[in-house]
Amino acid sequence: MTQPIAAQEILSVAVWEPVPGMEAASLVTLRELSSILAAKSYGRDLLYRDRESHYVLLRYWTSEAARRTAQEDPDMLRCWARLGNEIQIVKVYETLTEVPLDGAE
């Protein structure tokens, strides 16, 4: 039986805050990253912000292969390098696995 596409996605979560004075630049860089991610079918991003200026990025990688390819993509690497000067990482969860709530495993 074939698994649904959603089951093949890999969820990564990053909690970060902008370096002082770099919030606008960090959002521009994240938009560029998200655009590359979508254009090359690596995955999709959702971005949230809490009241204390922490951002929470949910990245749904299309697959493990897409994630590996993206980690070597020069366009992605350029954005990640720039982002490294614009944000302070609080916590990263590289790979989260869904836990079924319906009792099925």
N, C-alpha and C. Protein backbone atom coordinates (compact mmCIF):
# COMPACT_ATOMS: atom_id res chain seq x y z
N MET A 1 0.85 -1.18 0.00
CA MET A 1 0.00 0.00 0.00
C MET A 1 0.90 1.24 0.00
N THR A 2 0.58 2.22 -0.82
CA THR A 2 1.36 3.45 -0.92
C THR A 2 0.98 4.41 0.19
N GLN A 3 2.01 5.03 0.80
CA GLN A 3 1.74 6.01 1.84
C GLN A 3 1.32 7.32 1.20
N PRO A 4 0.43 8.09 1.87
CA PRO A 4 0.06 9.39 1.35
C PRO A 4 1.28 10.30 1.31
N ILE A 5 1.27 11.25 0.38
CA ILE A 5 2.40 12.17 0.23
C ILE A 5 2.70 12.89 1.53
N ALA A 6 1.68 13.33 2.26
CA ALA A 6 1.89 14.05 3.51
C ALA A 6 2.71 13.23 4.50
N ALA A 7 2.56 11.92 4.47
CA ALA A 7 3.30 11.06 5.40
C ALA A 7 4.79 11.05 5.07
N GLN A 8 5.17 11.38 3.84
CA GLN A 8 6.56 11.40 3.44
C GLN A 8 7.24 12.72 3.81
N GLU A 9 6.47 13.74 4.11
CA GLU A 9 7.05 15.02 4.49
C GLU A 9 7.83 14.89 5.80
N ILE A 10 8.84 15.73 5.94
CA ILE A 10 9.63 15.77 7.16
C ILE A 10 9.48 17.17 7.74
N LEU A 11 9.08 17.23 9.00
CA LEU A 11 8.90 18.51 9.66
C LEU A 11 10.16 18.89 10.43
N SER A 12 10.65 20.10 10.18
CA SER A 12 11.73 20.69 10.97
C SER A 12 11.20 21.98 11.56
N VAL A 13 11.63 22.29 12.78
CA VAL A 13 11.17 23.50 13.46
C VAL A 13 12.38 24.27 13.96
N ALA A 14 12.38 25.58 13.70
CA ALA A 14 13.44 26.45 14.21
C ALA A 14 12.79 27.60 14.96
N VAL A 15 13.30 27.85 16.17
CA VAL A 15 12.86 28.99 16.96
C VAL A 15 14.03 29.97 16.96
N TRP A 16 13.78 31.20 16.58
CA TRP A 16 14.86 32.18 16.47
C TRP A 16 14.36 33.58 16.78
N GLU A 17 15.32 34.48 16.99
CA GLU A 17 15.00 35.89 17.16
C GLU A 17 15.97 36.69 16.30
N PRO A 18 15.51 37.81 15.78
CA PRO A 18 16.40 38.60 14.93
C PRO A 18 17.51 39.27 15.74
N VAL A 19 18.67 39.40 15.13
CA VAL A 19 19.74 40.20 15.72
C VAL A 19 19.21 41.63 15.75
N PRO A 20 19.50 42.39 16.81
CA PRO A 20 19.00 43.77 16.86
C PRO A 20 19.31 44.55 15.58
N GLY A 21 18.28 45.18 15.06
CA GLY A 21 18.41 45.97 13.83
C GLY A 21 18.35 45.16 12.54
N MET A 22 18.17 43.84 12.64
CA MET A 22 18.19 42.98 11.45
C MET A 22 16.86 42.27 11.19
N GLU A 23 15.81 42.68 11.88
CA GLU A 23 14.54 41.98 11.71
C GLU A 23 14.03 42.05 10.27
N ALA A 24 14.02 43.25 9.69
CA ALA A 24 13.52 43.39 8.30
C ALA A 24 14.38 42.58 7.34
N ALA A 25 15.69 42.66 7.49
CA ALA A 25 16.60 41.91 6.61
C ALA A 25 16.39 40.41 6.76
N SER A 26 16.20 39.94 7.99
CA SER A 26 16.00 38.50 8.20
C SER A 26 14.72 38.01 7.53
N LEU A 27 13.68 38.82 7.57
CA LEU A 27 12.42 38.43 6.93
C LEU A 27 12.56 38.41 5.41
N VAL A 28 13.33 39.35 4.86
CA VAL A 28 13.60 39.34 3.41
C VAL A 28 14.34 38.05 3.03
N THR A 29 15.35 37.71 3.82
CA THR A 29 16.12 36.49 3.54
C THR A 29 15.24 35.25 3.67
N LEU A 30 14.39 35.20 4.69
CA LEU A 30 13.50 34.04 4.85
C LEU A 30 12.51 33.94 3.70
N ARG A 31 12.03 35.07 3.22
CA ARG A 31 11.12 35.03 2.06
C ARG A 31 11.85 34.46 0.84
N GLU A 32 13.11 34.87 0.67
CA GLU A 32 13.89 34.35 -0.45
C GLU A 32 14.11 32.84 -0.30
N LEU A 33 14.47 32.41 0.90
CA LEU A 33 14.64 30.97 1.15
C LEU A 33 13.36 30.20 0.86
N SER A 34 12.26 30.72 1.34
CA SER A 34 10.97 30.06 1.14
C SER A 34 10.62 29.98 -0.35
N SER A 35 10.96 31.03 -1.06
CA SER A 35 10.71 31.06 -2.50
C SER A 35 11.54 30.00 -3.23
N ILE A 36 12.80 29.88 -2.86
CA ILE A 36 13.68 28.87 -3.46
C ILE A 36 13.16 27.47 -3.12
N LEU A 37 12.78 27.29 -1.85
CA LEU A 37 12.25 26.01 -1.38
C LEU A 37 11.06 25.57 -2.23
N ALA A 38 10.14 26.50 -2.47
CA ALA A 38 8.94 26.18 -3.26
C ALA A 38 9.28 25.99 -4.74
N ALA A 39 10.10 26.87 -5.29
CA ALA A 39 10.43 26.81 -6.72
C ALA A 39 11.13 25.51 -7.09
N LYS A 40 11.95 24.99 -6.18
CA LYS A 40 12.71 23.77 -6.47
C LYS A 40 12.06 22.53 -5.87
N SER A 41 10.83 22.70 -5.36
CA SER A 41 10.05 21.60 -4.79
C SER A 41 10.75 20.90 -3.63
N TYR A 42 11.53 21.65 -2.85
CA TYR A 42 12.17 21.09 -1.66
C TYR A 42 11.19 20.98 -0.50
N GLY A 43 10.22 21.89 -0.47
CA GLY A 43 9.28 21.87 0.64
C GLY A 43 8.53 23.18 0.74
N ARG A 44 8.03 23.44 1.96
CA ARG A 44 7.25 24.66 2.20
C ARG A 44 7.48 25.14 3.62
N ASP A 45 7.32 26.44 3.81
CA ASP A 45 7.55 27.05 5.11
C ASP A 45 6.30 27.73 5.64
N LEU A 46 6.16 27.72 6.96
CA LEU A 46 5.16 28.52 7.67
C LEU A 46 5.92 29.26 8.76
N LEU A 47 5.65 30.55 8.92
CA LEU A 47 6.37 31.36 9.90
C LEU A 47 5.38 31.98 10.88
N TYR A 48 5.70 31.87 12.16
CA TYR A 48 4.88 32.45 13.23
C TYR A 48 5.77 33.31 14.12
N ARG A 49 5.14 34.21 14.86
CA ARG A 49 5.87 35.07 15.80
C ARG A 49 5.10 35.13 17.11
N ASP A 50 5.85 35.07 18.22
CA ASP A 50 5.20 35.22 19.52
C ASP A 50 5.32 36.69 19.97
N ARG A 51 4.82 36.99 21.13
CA ARG A 51 4.82 38.37 21.63
C ARG A 51 6.19 38.85 22.08
N GLU A 52 7.11 37.93 22.32
CA GLU A 52 8.44 38.32 22.79
C GLU A 52 9.45 38.43 21.65
N SER A 53 9.00 38.52 20.44
CA SER A 53 9.84 38.65 19.23
C SER A 53 10.59 37.37 18.85
N HIS A 54 10.13 36.23 19.36
CA HIS A 54 10.66 34.96 18.87
C HIS A 54 9.85 34.58 17.63
N TYR A 55 10.55 34.07 16.66
CA TYR A 55 9.89 33.54 15.47
C TYR A 55 9.97 32.02 15.52
N VAL A 56 8.95 31.37 14.99
CA VAL A 56 8.91 29.91 14.90
C VAL A 56 8.69 29.56 13.44
N LEU A 57 9.69 28.92 12.85
CA LEU A 57 9.62 28.52 11.45
C LEU A 57 9.33 27.03 11.38
N LEU A 58 8.23 26.69 10.74
CA LEU A 58 7.89 25.29 10.47
C LEU A 58 8.26 25.02 9.03
N ARG A 59 9.16 24.12 8.82
CA ARG A 59 9.56 23.76 7.45
C ARG A 59 9.15 22.32 7.20
N TYR A 60 8.33 22.13 6.19
CA TYR A 60 7.90 20.81 5.76
C TYR A 60 8.70 20.43 4.52
N TRP A 61 9.73 19.61 4.71
CA TRP A 61 10.52 19.12 3.59
C TRP A 61 9.69 18.12 2.81
N THR A 62 9.78 18.15 1.51
CA THR A 62 9.04 17.23 0.65
C THR A 62 9.43 15.77 0.95
N SER A 63 10.73 15.56 1.20
CA SER A 63 11.24 14.23 1.50
C SER A 63 12.65 14.37 2.07
N GLU A 64 13.19 13.27 2.53
CA GLU A 64 14.58 13.28 3.02
C GLU A 64 15.53 13.61 1.87
N ALA A 65 15.26 13.08 0.69
CA ALA A 65 16.12 13.36 -0.47
C ALA A 65 16.08 14.85 -0.82
N ALA A 66 14.91 15.45 -0.76
CA ALA A 66 14.80 16.89 -1.05
C ALA A 66 15.58 17.70 -0.02
N ARG A 67 15.51 17.30 1.23
CA ARG A 67 16.25 18.01 2.28
C ARG A 67 17.75 17.90 2.04
N ARG A 68 18.24 16.72 1.70
CA ARG A 68 19.68 16.54 1.43
C ARG A 68 20.12 17.39 0.24
N THR A 69 19.31 17.39 -0.81
CA THR A 69 19.64 18.19 -2.00
C THR A 69 19.67 19.67 -1.66
N ALA A 70 18.69 20.14 -0.90
CA ALA A 70 18.62 21.55 -0.52
C ALA A 70 19.84 21.95 0.30
N GLN A 71 20.34 21.05 1.13
CA GLN A 71 21.49 21.37 1.98
C GLN A 71 22.78 21.52 1.19
N GLU A 72 22.75 21.15 -0.08
CA GLU A 72 23.91 21.32 -0.96
C GLU A 72 23.65 22.33 -2.07
N ASP A 73 22.47 22.89 -2.13
CA ASP A 73 22.08 23.83 -3.17
C ASP A 73 22.75 25.19 -2.93
N PRO A 74 23.52 25.70 -3.90
CA PRO A 74 24.22 26.98 -3.73
C PRO A 74 23.29 28.15 -3.40
N ASP A 75 22.10 28.17 -3.97
CA ASP A 75 21.15 29.25 -3.68
C ASP A 75 20.71 29.20 -2.22
N MET A 76 20.42 28.01 -1.73
CA MET A 76 20.02 27.84 -0.33
C MET A 76 21.19 28.17 0.60
N LEU A 77 22.38 27.70 0.25
CA LEU A 77 23.56 27.96 1.08
C LEU A 77 23.86 29.45 1.21
N ARG A 78 23.69 30.20 0.12
CA ARG A 78 23.90 31.66 0.18
C ARG A 78 22.93 32.32 1.14
N CYS A 79 21.68 31.91 1.07
CA CYS A 79 20.66 32.48 1.97
C CYS A 79 20.95 32.11 3.42
N TRP A 80 21.29 30.84 3.67
CA TRP A 80 21.57 30.42 5.03
C TRP A 80 22.78 31.17 5.60
N ALA A 81 23.79 31.42 4.75
CA ALA A 81 24.97 32.16 5.21
C ALA A 81 24.58 33.58 5.61
N ARG A 82 23.77 34.22 4.79
CA ARG A 82 23.31 35.59 5.08
C ARG A 82 22.46 35.60 6.35
N LEU A 83 21.58 34.62 6.47
CA LEU A 83 20.70 34.52 7.63
C LEU A 83 21.49 34.35 8.93
N GLY A 84 22.64 33.70 8.84
CA GLY A 84 23.49 33.50 10.01
C GLY A 84 23.94 34.80 10.66
N ASN A 85 23.92 35.89 9.90
CA ASN A 85 24.29 37.22 10.42
C ASN A 85 23.07 38.03 10.83
N GLU A 86 21.89 37.50 10.57
CA GLU A 86 20.66 38.25 10.80
C GLU A 86 19.81 37.73 11.95
N ILE A 87 20.05 36.48 12.35
CA ILE A 87 19.22 35.89 13.41
C ILE A 87 20.07 35.20 14.46
N GLN A 88 19.45 34.99 15.61
CA GLN A 88 20.04 34.21 16.70
C GLN A 88 19.13 33.00 16.91
N ILE A 89 19.66 31.80 16.70
CA ILE A 89 18.88 30.58 16.86
C ILE A 89 18.66 30.30 18.34
N VAL A 90 17.42 30.02 18.71
CA VAL A 90 17.09 29.64 20.08
C VAL A 90 17.07 28.12 20.20
N LYS A 91 16.40 27.46 19.25
CA LYS A 91 16.28 26.00 19.28
C LYS A 91 15.92 25.50 17.88
N VAL A 92 16.48 24.36 17.50
CA VAL A 92 16.16 23.73 16.22
C VAL A 92 15.81 22.27 16.46
N TYR A 93 14.74 21.84 15.84
CA TYR A 93 14.35 20.43 15.82
C TYR A 93 14.46 20.00 14.37
N GLU A 94 15.50 19.24 14.04
CA GLU A 94 15.78 18.87 12.65
C GLU A 94 14.72 17.95 12.05
N THR A 95 14.31 16.95 12.80
CA THR A 95 13.37 15.97 12.28
C THR A 95 12.39 15.59 13.37
N LEU A 96 11.15 15.94 13.14
CA LEU A 96 10.09 15.55 14.08
C LEU A 96 9.23 14.48 13.42
N THR A 97 8.85 13.52 14.20
CA THR A 97 8.03 12.42 13.71
C THR A 97 6.63 12.55 14.30
N GLU A 98 5.63 12.44 13.45
CA GLU A 98 4.25 12.55 13.92
C GLU A 98 3.90 11.36 14.81
N VAL A 99 3.19 11.65 15.87
CA VAL A 99 2.69 10.62 16.78
C VAL A 99 1.17 10.56 16.59
N PRO A 100 0.66 9.45 16.09
CA PRO A 100 -0.78 9.35 15.85
C PRO A 100 -1.57 9.48 17.15
N LEU A 101 -2.64 10.22 17.11
CA LEU A 101 -3.50 10.39 18.27
C LEU A 101 -4.70 9.46 18.25
N ASP A 102 -4.86 8.73 17.15
CA ASP A 102 -6.01 7.85 17.03
C ASP A 102 -5.73 6.44 17.54
N GLY A 103 -4.55 6.23 18.12
CA GLY A 103 -4.20 4.92 18.66
C GLY A 103 -3.54 3.99 17.64
N ALA A 104 -3.58 4.36 16.37
CA ALA A 104 -2.94 3.53 15.34
C ALA A 104 -1.46 3.83 15.30
N GLU A 105 -0.66 2.81 15.01
CA GLU A 105 0.79 3.04 14.92
C GLU A 105 1.34 2.50 13.65
